[in-house]
């Protein structure tokens, strides 16, 4: 990217004038548009508000899908993508759901199996075999079980976030719970 010298007028270079905000600068250079400082500040404020509202849900869903470390990386990748393309993305109706798919795509690589580690000497407030049983579920089953029963999301909220219908989320939830019961040796009546 070419950043102009203070003494070099924009007309002399044929490039737009560049301001101090890196995101606005990239947008100015790639689109050839002038962005005032007020517009860049408004974009930054809008993005920060979006991140405060959406990041916890997005982070939980991606952590449920890929484990804590990979989920955290996928969330960071998705939010970085959102910032880079904020002008285009900010008007999407279900932006957290879109970014969930971006996080899945951006973090693809030779994936390690999901492992939920439990300290050997820690006192547990849950079934010690649960992390391994969750890791044995399919990705969609694990997401449905963790978000609905672990975080209290509704089927509709999980559906919006993952881009699947609530009835499909219910199917994954039911199958995931049945599989957990089998893996943990728990009766349906408990």
Protein backbone atom coordinates (compact mmCIF):
# COMPACT_ATOMS: atom_id res chain seq x y z
CA UNK A 1 0.00 0.00 0.00
CA UNK A 2 1.30 3.42 -0.86
CA UNK A 3 1.07 6.00 1.92
CA UNK A 4 1.53 9.55 0.72
CA UNK A 5 4.15 11.88 1.96
CA UNK A 6 2.65 14.96 3.69
CA UNK A 7 4.17 17.24 1.08
CA UNK A 8 2.91 15.17 -1.86
CA UNK A 9 -0.61 16.20 -2.94
CA UNK A 10 -3.12 13.46 -3.77
CA UNK A 11 -3.67 14.84 -7.26
CA UNK A 12 0.03 14.46 -8.06
CA UNK A 13 0.03 10.74 -7.33
CA UNK A 14 -3.33 9.88 -8.80
CA UNK A 15 -4.20 8.13 -5.52
CA UNK A 16 -6.76 9.20 -2.92
CA UNK A 17 -5.63 11.06 0.19
CA UNK A 18 -4.96 8.72 3.10
CA UNK A 19 -6.12 9.29 6.69
CA UNK A 20 -4.75 7.81 9.91
CA UNK A 21 -7.26 4.97 10.49
CA UNK A 22 -5.81 1.76 8.97
CA UNK A 23 -9.22 0.33 8.05
CA UNK A 24 -10.31 3.61 6.49
CA UNK A 25 -6.95 3.83 4.73
CA UNK A 26 -7.35 0.39 3.19
CA UNK A 27 -10.90 1.23 2.15
CA UNK A 28 -9.79 4.54 0.63
CA UNK A 29 -6.97 2.99 -1.33
CA UNK A 30 -8.99 0.02 -2.62
CA UNK A 31 -12.18 1.94 -3.44
CA UNK A 32 -10.68 5.28 -4.36
CA UNK A 33 -13.16 7.04 -2.06
CA UNK A 34 -12.51 9.76 0.44
CA UNK A 35 -13.62 8.77 3.94
CA UNK A 36 -13.88 11.54 6.48
CA UNK A 37 -12.59 11.06 9.98
CA UNK A 38 -16.18 11.16 11.30
CA UNK A 39 -17.21 8.27 9.06
CA UNK A 40 -14.22 6.19 10.15
CA UNK A 41 -14.99 6.92 13.81
CA UNK A 42 -18.63 5.94 13.30
CA UNK A 43 -17.54 2.70 11.60
CA UNK A 44 -15.19 1.92 14.49
CA UNK A 45 -17.91 2.64 17.07
CA UNK A 46 -20.43 0.48 15.17
CA UNK A 47 -17.93 -2.36 14.89
CA UNK A 48 -16.98 -2.19 18.58
CA UNK A 49 -20.68 -2.32 19.54
CA UNK A 50 -21.20 -5.30 17.25
CA UNK A 51 -18.21 -7.14 18.75
CA UNK A 52 -19.41 -6.53 22.33
CA UNK A 53 -22.83 -7.98 21.45
CA UNK A 54 -21.88 -10.85 19.11
CA UNK A 55 -18.45 -12.06 20.22
CA UNK A 56 -19.56 -14.08 23.26
CA UNK A 57 -22.16 -16.05 21.24
CA UNK A 58 -19.79 -16.54 18.33
CA UNK A 59 -16.96 -17.61 20.61
CA UNK A 60 -19.12 -20.14 22.46
CA UNK A 61 -20.43 -21.68 19.24
CA UNK A 62 -16.98 -22.01 17.67
CA UNK A 63 -15.51 -23.37 20.92
CA UNK A 64 -18.33 -25.94 21.04
CA UNK A 65 -17.50 -26.91 17.46
CA UNK A 66 -13.69 -26.99 17.63
CA UNK A 67 -12.62 -26.95 21.27
CA UNK A 68 -11.35 -23.97 23.24
CA UNK A 69 -8.09 -23.18 21.43
CA UNK A 70 -9.25 -23.71 17.84
CA UNK A 71 -12.58 -22.04 18.65
CA UNK A 72 -10.78 -18.99 20.00
CA UNK A 73 -8.62 -18.84 16.86
CA UNK A 74 -11.66 -19.25 14.60
CA UNK A 75 -13.44 -16.42 16.46
CA UNK A 76 -10.44 -14.14 16.03
CA UNK A 77 -10.25 -14.99 12.32
CA UNK A 78 -13.97 -14.31 11.85
CA UNK A 79 -13.84 -10.96 13.67
CA UNK A 80 -10.72 -9.92 11.76
CA UNK A 81 -12.53 -10.73 8.52
CA UNK A 82 -15.52 -8.70 9.72
CA UNK A 83 -13.32 -5.67 10.42
CA UNK A 84 -11.58 -5.93 7.06
CA UNK A 85 -14.93 -6.06 5.25
CA UNK A 86 -17.05 -4.02 7.67
CA UNK A 87 -18.43 -1.62 5.04
CA UNK A 88 -19.90 -4.54 3.09
CA UNK A 89 -20.87 -6.78 6.02
CA UNK A 90 -22.44 -4.42 8.54
CA UNK A 91 -25.83 -4.55 6.82
CA UNK A 92 -26.16 -8.37 6.79
CA UNK A 93 -29.25 -9.42 8.73
CA UNK A 94 -27.66 -12.39 10.54
CA UNK A 95 -24.05 -11.29 10.75
CA UNK A 96 -23.09 -13.58 13.69
CA UNK A 97 -24.33 -16.58 11.69
CA UNK A 98 -22.38 -15.43 8.65
CA UNK A 99 -19.25 -14.99 10.77
CA UNK A 100 -19.75 -18.46 12.29
CA UNK A 101 -19.39 -19.86 8.78
CA UNK A 102 -16.43 -17.55 8.11
CA UNK A 103 -14.76 -18.86 11.29
CA UNK A 104 -15.35 -22.43 10.15
CA UNK A 105 -13.88 -21.74 6.71
CA UNK A 106 -10.98 -19.55 7.81
CA UNK A 107 -9.80 -21.95 10.48
CA UNK A 108 -9.83 -25.07 8.29
CA UNK A 109 -6.59 -26.95 8.34
CA UNK A 110 -5.50 -30.38 9.42
CA UNK A 111 -7.81 -30.39 12.42
CA UNK A 112 -6.93 -32.19 15.56
CA UNK A 113 -9.79 -34.10 17.17
CA UNK A 114 -11.67 -31.95 19.68
CA UNK A 115 -10.31 -32.58 23.17
CA UNK A 116 -11.87 -31.17 26.29
CA UNK A 117 -9.20 -31.53 28.93
CA UNK A 118 -10.06 -32.05 32.57
CA UNK A 119 -7.48 -31.64 35.32
CA UNK A 120 -6.84 -34.97 37.04
CA UNK A 121 -6.85 -33.56 40.57
CA UNK A 122 -9.67 -31.04 40.19
CA UNK A 123 -12.94 -31.50 41.99
CA UNK A 124 -15.63 -31.88 39.34
CA UNK A 125 -19.09 -30.34 39.31
CA UNK A 126 -19.96 -32.49 36.30
CA UNK A 127 -19.53 -36.07 35.14
CA UNK A 128 -15.76 -36.63 34.62
CA UNK A 129 -16.44 -38.69 31.48
CA UNK A 130 -18.44 -35.88 29.89
CA UNK A 131 -15.55 -34.15 28.03
CA UNK A 132 -14.55 -37.36 26.25
CA UNK A 133 -18.19 -38.17 25.48
CA UNK A 134 -18.74 -34.67 24.04
CA UNK A 135 -15.65 -35.09 21.88
CA UNK A 136 -17.14 -38.33 20.51
CA UNK A 137 -20.27 -36.54 19.22
CA UNK A 138 -20.54 -35.19 15.70
CA UNK A 139 -19.77 -31.51 15.39
CA UNK A 140 -23.41 -30.45 14.97
CA UNK A 141 -24.56 -32.66 17.85
CA UNK A 142 -21.85 -31.21 20.10
CA UNK A 143 -22.74 -27.63 19.13
CA UNK A 144 -26.44 -28.25 19.82
CA UNK A 145 -25.85 -29.97 23.18
CA UNK A 146 -23.29 -27.47 24.46
CA UNK A 147 -25.16 -24.34 23.38
CA UNK A 148 -28.63 -25.51 24.49
CA UNK A 149 -27.76 -27.31 27.72
CA UNK A 150 -24.46 -25.63 28.56
CA UNK A 151 -25.30 -22.01 27.71
CA UNK A 152 -29.11 -21.99 27.67
CA UNK A 153 -29.57 -21.01 24.03
CA UNK A 154 -32.94 -21.64 22.41
CA UNK A 155 -33.22 -23.88 19.36
CA UNK A 156 -33.97 -20.78 17.29
CA UNK A 157 -30.83 -19.00 18.54
CA UNK A 158 -28.65 -22.01 17.73
CA UNK A 159 -30.30 -22.27 14.31
CA UNK A 160 -29.67 -18.60 13.53
CA UNK A 161 -26.07 -18.83 14.63
CA UNK A 162 -25.26 -22.02 12.75
CA UNK A 163 -27.46 -21.42 9.71
CA UNK A 164 -29.64 -24.50 10.15
CA UNK A 165 -33.37 -24.81 10.88
CA UNK A 166 -34.51 -25.10 14.51
CA UNK A 167 -36.10 -28.48 13.75
CA UNK A 168 -32.73 -29.72 12.51
CA UNK A 169 -31.08 -28.35 15.66
CA UNK A 170 -33.67 -30.31 17.68
CA UNK A 171 -32.76 -33.49 15.78
CA UNK A 172 -29.04 -32.98 16.45
CA UNK A 173 -29.79 -32.21 20.09
CA UNK A 174 -31.92 -35.34 20.56
CA UNK A 175 -29.39 -37.59 18.84
CA UNK A 176 -26.51 -35.99 20.74
CA UNK A 177 -28.22 -36.47 24.11
CA UNK A 178 -29.08 -40.09 23.27
CA UNK A 179 -25.46 -40.72 22.28
CA UNK A 180 -24.19 -39.06 25.49
CA UNK A 181 -26.50 -41.25 27.57
CA UNK A 182 -25.15 -44.36 25.83
CA UNK A 183 -21.51 -43.30 26.17
CA UNK A 184 -21.91 -42.37 29.83
CA UNK A 185 -24.09 -45.39 30.69
CA UNK A 186 -26.99 -43.26 31.90
CA UNK A 187 -30.61 -44.46 31.76
CA UNK A 188 -33.20 -42.34 29.94
CA UNK A 189 -35.25 -42.12 33.11
CA UNK A 190 -32.59 -40.21 35.08
